[in-house]
PDB file of N, CA and C in Angstrom:
ATOM      1  N   MET A   1     -35.250  21.216  91.661  1.00  0.00           N
ATOM      2  CA  MET A   1     -36.061  21.357  92.857  1.00  0.00           C
ATOM      3  C   MET A   1     -36.514  22.802  92.978  1.00  0.00           C
ATOM      4  N   ASN A   2     -37.749  22.980  93.255  1.00  0.00           N
ATOM      5  CA  ASN A   2     -38.322  24.299  93.453  1.00  0.00           C
ATOM      6  C   ASN A   2     -37.991  24.771  94.869  1.00  0.00           C
ATOM      7  N   LEU A   3     -37.436  25.976  95.001  1.00  0.00           N
ATOM      8  CA  LEU A   3     -37.053  26.484  96.317  1.00  0.00           C
ATOM      9  C   LEU A   3     -38.240  26.605  97.265  1.00  0.00           C
ATOM     10  N   SER A   4     -39.405  26.923  96.734  1.00  0.00           N
ATOM     11  CA  SER A   4     -40.569  27.068  97.608  1.00  0.00           C
ATOM     12  C   SER A   4     -41.027  25.725  98.170  1.00  0.00           C
ATOM     13  N   ASP A   5     -40.662  24.629  97.520  1.00  0.00           N
ATOM     14  CA  ASP A   5     -41.025  23.290  97.991  1.00  0.00           C
ATOM     15  C   ASP A   5     -39.925  22.633  98.823  1.00  0.00           C
ATOM     16  N   ALA A   6     -38.792  23.312  98.945  1.00  0.00           N
ATOM     17  CA  ALA A   6     -37.633  22.715  99.613  1.00  0.00           C
ATOM     18  C   ALA A   6     -37.862  22.591 101.115  1.00  0.00           C
ATOM     19  N   THR A   7     -37.412  21.477 101.664  1.00  0.00           N
ATOM     20  CA  THR A   7     -37.405  21.283 103.111  1.00  0.00           C
ATOM     21  C   THR A   7     -35.954  21.406 103.565  1.00  0.00           C
ATOM     22  N   TRP A   8     -35.653  22.501 104.217  1.00  0.00           N
ATOM     23  CA  TRP A   8     -34.287  22.799 104.645  1.00  0.00           C
ATOM     24  C   TRP A   8     -34.024  22.186 106.012  1.00  0.00           C
ATOM     25  N   ARG A   9     -32.809  21.684 106.192  1.00  0.00           N
ATOM     26  CA  ARG A   9     -32.414  21.145 107.491  1.00  0.00           C
ATOM     27  C   ARG A   9     -30.965  21.509 107.763  1.00  0.00           C
ATOM     28  N   LYS A  10     -30.618  21.559 109.035  1.00  0.00           N
ATOM     29  CA  LYS A  10     -29.227  21.797 109.397  1.00  0.00           C
ATOM     30  C   LYS A  10     -28.784  20.728 110.372  1.00  0.00           C
ATOM     31  N   SER A  11     -27.510  20.611 110.534  1.00  0.00           N
ATOM     32  CA  SER A  11     -26.942  19.585 111.392  1.00  0.00           C
ATOM     33  C   SER A  11     -27.435  19.733 112.823  1.00  0.00           C
ATOM     34  N   SER A  12     -27.672  18.618 113.468  1.00  0.00           N
ATOM     35  CA  SER A  12     -28.058  18.650 114.888  1.00  0.00           C
ATOM     36  C   SER A  12     -26.917  19.175 115.746  1.00  0.00           C
ATOM     37  N   ARG A  13     -25.708  19.153 115.228  1.00  0.00           N
ATOM     38  CA  ARG A  13     -24.540  19.655 115.952  1.00  0.00           C
ATOM     39  C   ARG A  13     -24.393  21.175 115.842  1.00  0.00           C
ATOM     40  N   SER A  14     -25.180  21.805 115.013  1.00  0.00           N
ATOM     41  CA  SER A  14     -25.023  23.244 114.798  1.00  0.00           C
ATOM     42  C   SER A  14     -25.640  24.087 115.897  1.00  0.00           C
ATOM     43  N   SER A  15     -26.479  23.511 116.735  1.00  0.00           N
ATOM     44  CA  SER A  15     -27.172  24.310 117.744  1.00  0.00           C
ATOM     45  C   SER A  15     -26.378  24.500 119.026  1.00  0.00           C
ATOM     46  N   GLY A  16     -25.393  23.703 119.271  1.00  0.00           N
ATOM     47  CA  GLY A  16     -24.656  23.806 120.525  1.00  0.00           C
ATOM     48  C   GLY A  16     -23.423  24.681 120.425  1.00  0.00           C
ATOM     49  N   GLY A  17     -23.360  25.718 121.259  1.00  0.00           N
ATOM     50  CA  GLY A  17     -22.170  26.570 121.330  1.00  0.00           C
ATOM     51  C   GLY A  17     -21.924  27.340 120.055  1.00  0.00           C
ATOM     52  N   GLY A  18     -20.749  27.896 119.944  1.00  0.00           N
ATOM     53  CA  GLY A  18     -20.374  28.632 118.748  1.00  0.00           C
ATOM     54  C   GLY A  18     -21.194  29.886 118.550  1.00  0.00           C
ATOM     55  N   ASN A  19     -21.099  30.444 117.367  1.00  0.00           N
ATOM     56  CA  ASN A  19     -21.796  31.701 117.075  1.00  0.00           C
ATOM     57  C   ASN A  19     -23.008  31.508 116.176  1.00  0.00           C
ATOM     58  N   GLY A  20     -23.442  30.285 115.978  1.00  0.00           N
ATOM     59  CA  GLY A  20     -24.642  30.035 115.183  1.00  0.00           C
ATOM     60  C   GLY A  20     -24.409  29.991 113.691  1.00  0.00           C
ATOM     61  N   ASP A  21     -23.151  30.108 113.257  1.00  0.00           N
ATOM     62  CA  ASP A  21     -22.860  30.023 111.828  1.00  0.00           C
ATOM     63  C   ASP A  21     -23.037  28.588 111.358  1.00  0.00           C
ATOM     64  N   CYS A  22     -23.906  28.387 110.402  1.00  0.00           N
ATOM     65  CA  CYS A  22     -24.082  27.055 109.853  1.00  0.00           C
ATOM     66  C   CYS A  22     -24.741  27.152 108.484  1.00  0.00           C
ATOM     67  N   VAL A  23     -24.788  26.030 107.831  1.00  0.00           N
ATOM     68  CA  VAL A  23     -25.452  25.952 106.536  1.00  0.00           C
ATOM     69  C   VAL A  23     -26.663  25.049 106.666  1.00  0.00           C
ATOM     70  N   GLU A  24     -27.603  25.226 105.759  1.00  0.00           N
ATOM     71  CA  GLU A  24     -28.771  24.357 105.680  1.00  0.00           C
ATOM     72  C   GLU A  24     -28.722  23.652 104.335  1.00  0.00           C
ATOM     73  N   VAL A  25     -29.256  22.442 104.303  1.00  0.00           N
ATOM     74  CA  VAL A  25     -29.244  21.624 103.096  1.00  0.00           C
ATOM     75  C   VAL A  25     -30.662  21.162 102.787  1.00  0.00           C
ATOM     76  N   ALA A  26     -31.022  21.194 101.519  1.00  0.00           N
ATOM     77  CA  ALA A  26     -32.286  20.633 101.043  1.00  0.00           C
ATOM     78  C   ALA A  26     -31.935  19.612  99.966  1.00  0.00           C
ATOM     79  N   ILE A  27     -32.392  18.389 100.155  1.00  0.00           N
ATOM     80  CA  ILE A  27     -32.053  17.307  99.231  1.00  0.00           C
ATOM     81  C   ILE A  27     -33.285  16.915  98.436  1.00  0.00           C
ATOM     82  N   GLY A  28     -33.163  16.994  97.112  1.00  0.00           N
ATOM     83  CA  GLY A  28     -34.235  16.584  96.215  1.00  0.00           C
ATOM     84  C   GLY A  28     -33.784  15.416  95.368  1.00  0.00           C
ATOM     85  N   SER A  29     -34.620  14.970  94.476  1.00  0.00           N
ATOM     86  CA  SER A  29     -34.273  13.827  93.635  1.00  0.00           C
ATOM     87  C   SER A  29     -33.241  14.184  92.569  1.00  0.00           C
ATOM     88  N   ASP A  30     -33.204  15.460  92.162  1.00  0.00           N
ATOM     89  CA  ASP A  30     -32.277  15.851  91.099  1.00  0.00           C
ATOM     90  C   ASP A  30     -31.263  16.907  91.513  1.00  0.00           C
ATOM     91  N   SER A  31     -31.314  17.382  92.761  1.00  0.00           N
ATOM     92  CA  SER A  31     -30.340  18.382  93.201  1.00  0.00           C
ATOM     93  C   SER A  31     -30.234  18.417  94.722  1.00  0.00           C
ATOM     94  N   VAL A  32     -29.095  18.920  95.156  1.00  0.00           N
ATOM     95  CA  VAL A  32     -28.849  19.181  96.570  1.00  0.00           C
ATOM     96  C   VAL A  32     -28.522  20.661  96.663  1.00  0.00           C
ATOM     97  N   MET A  33     -29.265  21.372  97.498  1.00  0.00           N
ATOM     98  CA  MET A  33     -29.078  22.816  97.610  1.00  0.00           C
ATOM     99  C   MET A  33     -28.537  23.153  98.994  1.00  0.00           C
ATOM    100  N   VAL A  34     -27.686  24.176  99.040  1.00  0.00           N
ATOM    101  CA  VAL A  34     -27.046  24.600 100.279  1.00  0.00           C
ATOM    102  C   VAL A  34     -27.213  26.106 100.397  1.00  0.00           C
ATOM    103  N   ARG A  35     -27.515  26.579 101.623  1.00  0.00           N
ATOM    104  CA  ARG A  35     -27.631  28.012 101.864  1.00  0.00           C
ATOM    105  C   ARG A  35     -27.148  28.346 103.269  1.00  0.00           C
ATOM    106  N   ASP A  36     -26.890  29.621 103.489  1.00  0.00           N
ATOM    107  CA  ASP A  36     -26.496  30.144 104.793  1.00  0.00           C
ATOM    108  C   ASP A  36     -27.750  30.249 105.655  1.00  0.00           C
ATOM    109  N   SER A  37     -27.740  29.645 106.825  1.00  0.00           N
ATOM    110  CA  SER A  37     -28.934  29.651 107.669  1.00  0.00           C
ATOM    111  C   SER A  37     -29.303  31.050 108.160  1.00  0.00           C
ATOM    112  N   LYS A  38     -28.338  31.950 108.212  1.00  0.00           N
ATOM    113  CA  LYS A  38     -28.628  33.309 108.660  1.00  0.00           C
ATOM    114  C   LYS A  38     -29.249  34.163 107.562  1.00  0.00           C
ATOM    115  N   GLN A  39     -29.171  33.714 106.319  1.00  0.00           N
ATOM    116  CA  GLN A  39     -29.726  34.447 105.178  1.00  0.00           C
ATOM    117  C   GLN A  39     -30.579  33.509 104.331  1.00  0.00           C
ATOM    118  N   PRO A  40     -31.715  33.071 104.847  1.00  0.00           N
ATOM    119  CA  PRO A  40     -32.524  32.092 104.109  1.00  0.00           C
ATOM    120  C   PRO A  40     -33.043  32.592 102.761  1.00  0.00           C
ATOM    121  N   SER A  41     -33.123  33.900 102.577  1.00  0.00           N
ATOM    122  CA  SER A  41     -33.556  34.407 101.270  1.00  0.00           C
ATOM    123  C   SER A  41     -32.367  34.790 100.399  1.00  0.00           C
ATOM    124  N   GLY A  42     -31.165  34.495 100.857  1.00  0.00           N
ATOM    125  CA  GLY A  42     -29.952  34.809 100.111  1.00  0.00           C
ATOM    126  C   GLY A  42     -29.647  33.775  99.049  1.00  0.00           C
ATOM    127  N   PRO A  43     -28.409  33.797  98.546  1.00  0.00           N
ATOM    128  CA  PRO A  43     -28.025  32.881  97.469  1.00  0.00           C
ATOM    129  C   PRO A  43     -28.061  31.413  97.899  1.00  0.00           C
ATOM    130  N   VAL A  44     -28.284  30.559  96.925  1.00  0.00           N
ATOM    131  CA  VAL A  44     -28.333  29.112  97.132  1.00  0.00           C
ATOM    132  C   VAL A  44     -27.358  28.461  96.161  1.00  0.00           C
ATOM    133  N   LEU A  45     -26.572  27.527  96.657  1.00  0.00           N
ATOM    134  CA  LEU A  45     -25.699  26.726  95.801  1.00  0.00           C
ATOM    135  C   LEU A  45     -26.428  25.431  95.481  1.00  0.00           C
ATOM    136  N   ALA A  46     -26.381  25.018  94.229  1.00  0.00           N
ATOM    137  CA  ALA A  46     -27.044  23.776  93.814  1.00  0.00           C
ATOM    138  C   ALA A  46     -26.014  22.801  93.255  1.00  0.00           C
ATOM    139  N   PHE A  47     -26.129  21.565  93.659  1.00  0.00           N
ATOM    140  CA  PHE A  47     -25.222  20.504  93.233  1.00  0.00           C
ATOM    141  C   PHE A  47     -26.031  19.320  92.733  1.00  0.00           C
ATOM    142  N   THR A  48     -25.439  18.545  91.848  1.00  0.00           N
ATOM    143  CA  THR A  48     -26.053  17.270  91.483  1.00  0.00           C
ATOM    144  C   THR A  48     -25.813  16.307  92.648  1.00  0.00           C
ATOM    145  N   PRO A  49     -26.608  15.253  92.761  1.00  0.00           N
ATOM    146  CA  PRO A  49     -26.348  14.271  93.822  1.00  0.00           C
ATOM    147  C   PRO A  49     -24.922  13.702  93.753  1.00  0.00           C
ATOM    148  N   ALA A  50     -24.401  13.487  92.564  1.00  0.00           N
ATOM    149  CA  ALA A  50     -23.039  12.954  92.426  1.00  0.00           C
ATOM    150  C   ALA A  50     -22.000  13.958  92.932  1.00  0.00           C
ATOM    151  N   GLN A  51     -22.177  15.231  92.622  1.00  0.00           N
ATOM    152  CA  GLN A  51     -21.252  16.254  93.119  1.00  0.00           C
ATOM    153  C   GLN A  51     -21.293  16.331  94.645  1.00  0.00           C
ATOM    154  N   TRP A  52     -22.492  16.289  95.204  1.00  0.00           N
ATOM    155  CA  TRP A  52     -22.641  16.353  96.657  1.00  0.00           C
ATOM    156  C   TRP A  52     -21.984  15.142  97.309  1.00  0.00           C
ATOM    157  N   GLN A  53     -22.189  13.958  96.746  1.00  0.00           N
ATOM    158  CA  GLN A  53     -21.578  12.751  97.303  1.00  0.00           C
ATOM    159  C   GLN A  53     -20.061  12.831  97.245  1.00  0.00           C
ATOM    160  N   ALA A  54     -19.521  13.353  96.161  1.00  0.00           N
ATOM    161  CA  ALA A  54     -18.067  13.519  96.050  1.00  0.00           C
ATOM    162  C   ALA A  54     -17.552  14.477  97.121  1.00  0.00           C
ATOM    163  N   PHE A  55     -18.277  15.547  97.376  1.00  0.00           N
ATOM    164  CA  PHE A  55     -17.890  16.505  98.406  1.00  0.00           C
ATOM    165  C   PHE A  55     -17.915  15.844  99.787  1.00  0.00           C
ATOM    166  N   ILE A  56     -19.001  15.151 100.115  1.00  0.00           N
ATOM    167  CA  ILE A  56     -19.118  14.495 101.416  1.00  0.00           C
ATOM    168  C   ILE A  56     -18.011  13.456 101.597  1.00  0.00           C
ATOM    169  N   THR A  57     -17.724  12.692 100.553  1.00  0.00           N
ATOM    170  CA  THR A  57     -16.650  11.702 100.621  1.00  0.00           C
ATOM    171  C   THR A  57     -15.309  12.371 100.887  1.00  0.00           C
ATOM    172  N   ALA A  58     -15.038  13.476 100.197  1.00  0.00           N
ATOM    173  CA  ALA A  58     -13.780  14.201 100.396  1.00  0.00           C
ATOM    174  C   ALA A  58     -13.671  14.746 101.820  1.00  0.00           C
ATOM    175  N   VAL A  59     -14.771  15.255 102.364  1.00  0.00           N
ATOM    176  CA  VAL A  59     -14.764  15.761 103.741  1.00  0.00           C
ATOM    177  C   VAL A  59     -14.484  14.614 104.714  1.00  0.00           C
ATOM    178  N   CYS A  60     -15.176  13.516 104.542  1.00  0.00           N
ATOM    179  CA  CYS A  60     -15.019  12.380 105.453  1.00  0.00           C
ATOM    180  C   CYS A  60     -13.605  11.807 105.427  1.00  0.00           C
ATOM    181  N   HIS A  61     -12.948  11.897 104.280  1.00  0.00           N
ATOM    182  CA  HIS A  61     -11.593  11.352 104.147  1.00  0.00           C
ATOM    183  C   HIS A  61     -10.522  12.440 104.263  1.00  0.00           C
ATOM    184  N   GLU A  62     -10.933  13.627 104.696  1.00  0.00           N
ATOM    185  CA  GLU A  62     -10.011  14.761 104.885  1.00  0.00           C
ATOM    186  C   GLU A  62      -9.165  15.007 103.638  1.00  0.00           C
ATOM    187  N   GLN A  63      -9.808  15.033 102.477  1.00  0.00           N
ATOM    188  CA  GLN A  63      -9.107  15.197 101.212  1.00  0.00           C
ATOM    189  C   GLN A  63      -9.245  16.593 100.626  1.00  0.00           C
ATOM    190  N   LEU A  64      -9.827  17.521 101.376  1.00  0.00           N
ATOM    191  CA  LEU A  64      -9.980  18.885 100.862  1.00  0.00           C
ATOM    192  C   LEU A  64      -8.739  19.708 101.193  1.00  0.00           C
ATOM    193  N   PRO A  65      -8.337  20.585 100.294  1.00  0.00           N
ATOM    194  CA  PRO A  65      -7.177  21.430 100.584  1.00  0.00           C
ATOM    195  C   PRO A  65      -7.533  22.449 101.663  1.00  0.00           C
ATOM    196  N   PRO A  66      -6.524  22.934 102.413  1.00  0.00           N
ATOM    197  CA  PRO A  66      -6.786  23.950 103.423  1.00  0.00           C
ATOM    198  C   PRO A  66      -7.304  25.235 102.782  1.00  0.00           C
ATOM    199  N   THR A  67      -8.099  25.987 103.533  1.00  0.00           N
ATOM    200  CA  THR A  67      -8.706  27.210 103.001  1.00  0.00           C
ATOM    201  C   THR A  67      -7.794  28.419 103.121  1.00  0.00           C
ATOM    202  N   GLY A  68      -6.730  28.324 103.873  1.00  0.00           N
ATOM    203  CA  GLY A  68      -5.820  29.461 104.035  1.00  0.00           C
ATOM    204  C   GLY A  68      -6.205  30.367 105.187  1.00  0.00           C
ATOM    205  N   ARG A  69      -7.183  29.961 105.963  1.00  0.00           N
ATOM    206  CA  ARG A  69      -7.572  30.770 107.127  1.00  0.00           C
ATOM    207  C   ARG A  69      -6.645  30.564 108.267  1.00  0.00           C
TER     208      ARG A  69
END
């Protein structure tokens, strides 16, 4: 996916309260890209659709290890 053609979106839950920290996602036919919404020209992480689906499944089933924070 070409970054200039990407349509970025963020969760509808990201606008309420908090400090505005969130990520944006652009979904294409061959990749899913993630970036920090506060740094739109910063680094982008790219995943295959299968990798992204595995991540979402792990989040939904609370299968990710703690971050240590």
